[in-house]
C-alpha atoms as a PDB file:
ATOM      1  CA  UNK A   1     -32.411 -27.378  14.489  1.00  0.00           C
ATOM      2  CA  UNK A   2     -35.291 -29.310  12.975  1.00  0.00           C
ATOM      3  CA  UNK A   3     -37.758 -31.262  15.116  1.00  0.00           C
ATOM      4  CA  UNK A   4     -37.849 -35.021  15.369  1.00  0.00           C
ATOM      5  CA  UNK A   5     -37.974 -37.112  13.335  1.00  0.00           C
ATOM      6  CA  UNK A   6     -34.959 -35.079  11.797  1.00  0.00           C
ATOM      7  CA  UNK A   7     -31.778 -36.226  13.418  1.00  0.00           C
ATOM      8  CA  UNK A   8     -30.474 -32.756  14.089  1.00  0.00           C
ATOM      9  CA  UNK A   9     -30.857 -32.756  17.838  1.00  0.00           C
ATOM     10  CA  UNK A  10     -29.147 -36.006  18.153  1.00  0.00           C
ATOM     11  CA  UNK A  11     -26.273 -35.162  15.960  1.00  0.00           C
ATOM     12  CA  UNK A  12     -25.773 -31.844  17.656  1.00  0.00           C
ATOM     13  CA  UNK A  13     -25.545 -33.492  21.133  1.00  0.00           C
ATOM     14  CA  UNK A  14     -23.196 -36.031  19.762  1.00  0.00           C
ATOM     15  CA  UNK A  15     -20.980 -33.247  18.262  1.00  0.00           C
ATOM     16  CA  UNK A  16     -20.970 -31.375  21.603  1.00  0.00           C
ATOM     17  CA  UNK A  17     -19.857 -34.619  23.427  1.00  0.00           C
ATOM     18  CA  UNK A  18     -17.253 -35.193  20.836  1.00  0.00           C
ATOM     19  CA  UNK A  19     -18.494 -38.741  20.053  1.00  0.00           C
ATOM     20  CA  UNK A  20     -19.714 -40.552  17.111  1.00  0.00           C
ATOM     21  CA  UNK A  21     -20.896 -43.517  19.159  1.00  0.00           C
ATOM     22  CA  UNK A  22     -24.331 -43.283  20.912  1.00  0.00           C
ATOM     23  CA  UNK A  23     -27.450 -45.229  21.517  1.00  0.00           C
ATOM     24  CA  UNK A  24     -30.758 -43.504  21.426  1.00  0.00           C
ATOM     25  CA  UNK A  25     -33.616 -44.562  23.689  1.00  0.00           C
ATOM     26  CA  UNK A  26     -37.108 -43.491  22.790  1.00  0.00           C
ATOM     27  CA  UNK A  27     -40.845 -44.325  22.897  1.00  0.00           C
ATOM     28  CA  UNK A  28     -42.179 -43.261  19.516  1.00  0.00           C
ATOM     29  CA  UNK A  29     -41.838 -43.752  15.830  1.00  0.00           C
ATOM     30  CA  UNK A  30     -40.220 -40.283  15.493  1.00  0.00           C
ATOM     31  CA  UNK A  31     -37.599 -41.333  18.087  1.00  0.00           C
ATOM     32  CA  UNK A  32     -36.834 -44.481  16.156  1.00  0.00           C
ATOM     33  CA  UNK A  33     -36.631 -42.574  12.791  1.00  0.00           C
ATOM     34  CA  UNK A  34     -34.478 -39.814  14.396  1.00  0.00           C
ATOM     35  CA  UNK A  35     -32.019 -42.353  15.745  1.00  0.00           C
ATOM     36  CA  UNK A  36     -31.874 -44.382  12.526  1.00  0.00           C
ATOM     37  CA  UNK A  37     -31.423 -41.191  10.539  1.00  0.00           C
ATOM     38  CA  UNK A  38     -28.442 -40.237  12.770  1.00  0.00           C
ATOM     39  CA  UNK A  39     -27.000 -43.663  12.111  1.00  0.00           C
ATOM     40  CA  UNK A  40     -27.127 -44.886  15.730  1.00  0.00           C
ATOM     41  CA  UNK A  41     -28.778 -47.886  17.313  1.00  0.00           C
ATOM     42  CA  UNK A  42     -32.265 -47.318  18.703  1.00  0.00           C
ATOM     43  CA  UNK A  43     -33.867 -48.974  21.689  1.00  0.00           C
ATOM     44  CA  UNK A  44     -37.573 -48.518  21.957  1.00  0.00           C
ATOM     45  CA  UNK A  45     -39.303 -48.524  25.318  1.00  0.00           C
ATOM     46  CA  UNK A  46     -42.596 -50.328  24.848  1.00  0.00           C
ATOM     47  CA  UNK A  47     -44.939 -48.800  27.400  1.00  0.00           C
ATOM     48  CA  UNK A  48     -48.066 -49.886  25.519  1.00  0.00           C
ATOM     49  CA  UNK A  49     -48.936 -46.241  25.221  1.00  0.00           C
ATOM     50  CA  UNK A  50     -47.874 -45.938  21.507  1.00  0.00           C
ATOM     51  CA  UNK A  51     -48.046 -48.211  18.545  1.00  0.00           C
ATOM     52  CA  UNK A  52     -45.047 -47.923  16.343  1.00  0.00           C
ATOM     53  CA  UNK A  53     -44.743 -48.623  12.604  1.00  0.00           C
ATOM     54  CA  UNK A  54     -41.011 -48.749  12.334  1.00  0.00           C
ATOM     55  CA  UNK A  55     -38.538 -51.369  13.600  1.00  0.00           C
ATOM     56  CA  UNK A  56     -36.129 -50.369  16.374  1.00  0.00           C
ATOM     57  CA  UNK A  57     -32.852 -52.294  17.012  1.00  0.00           C
ATOM     58  CA  UNK A  58     -34.144 -53.511  20.323  1.00  0.00           C
ATOM     59  CA  UNK A  59     -37.204 -53.311  22.427  1.00  0.00           C
ATOM     60  CA  UNK A  60     -37.394 -53.069  26.091  1.00  0.00           C
ATOM     61  CA  UNK A  61     -40.347 -52.530  28.552  1.00  0.00           C
ATOM     62  CA  UNK A  62     -38.626 -50.784  31.490  1.00  0.00           C
ATOM     63  CA  UNK A  63     -35.490 -48.580  31.798  1.00  0.00           C
ATOM     64  CA  UNK A  64     -34.105 -51.313  34.253  1.00  0.00           C
ATOM     65  CA  UNK A  65     -33.412 -53.408  31.154  1.00  0.00           C
ATOM     66  CA  UNK A  66     -30.843 -50.916  29.955  1.00  0.00           C
ATOM     67  CA  UNK A  67     -28.673 -52.062  32.778  1.00  0.00           C
END
């Protein structure tokens, strides 16, 4: 498996779980790119630690917002 931003790890996990539906939550550009490359929605956790240059589907600031 190639490292992120390649979608290999995400696609492998989805295959193992027998699903084609997923949401990827990450905190970096490589996470956003990996999710988009896998064709799944991406939620970015903005913890002010990283600046991103790609556009996620949604931005949150805490994991509580996933609820």
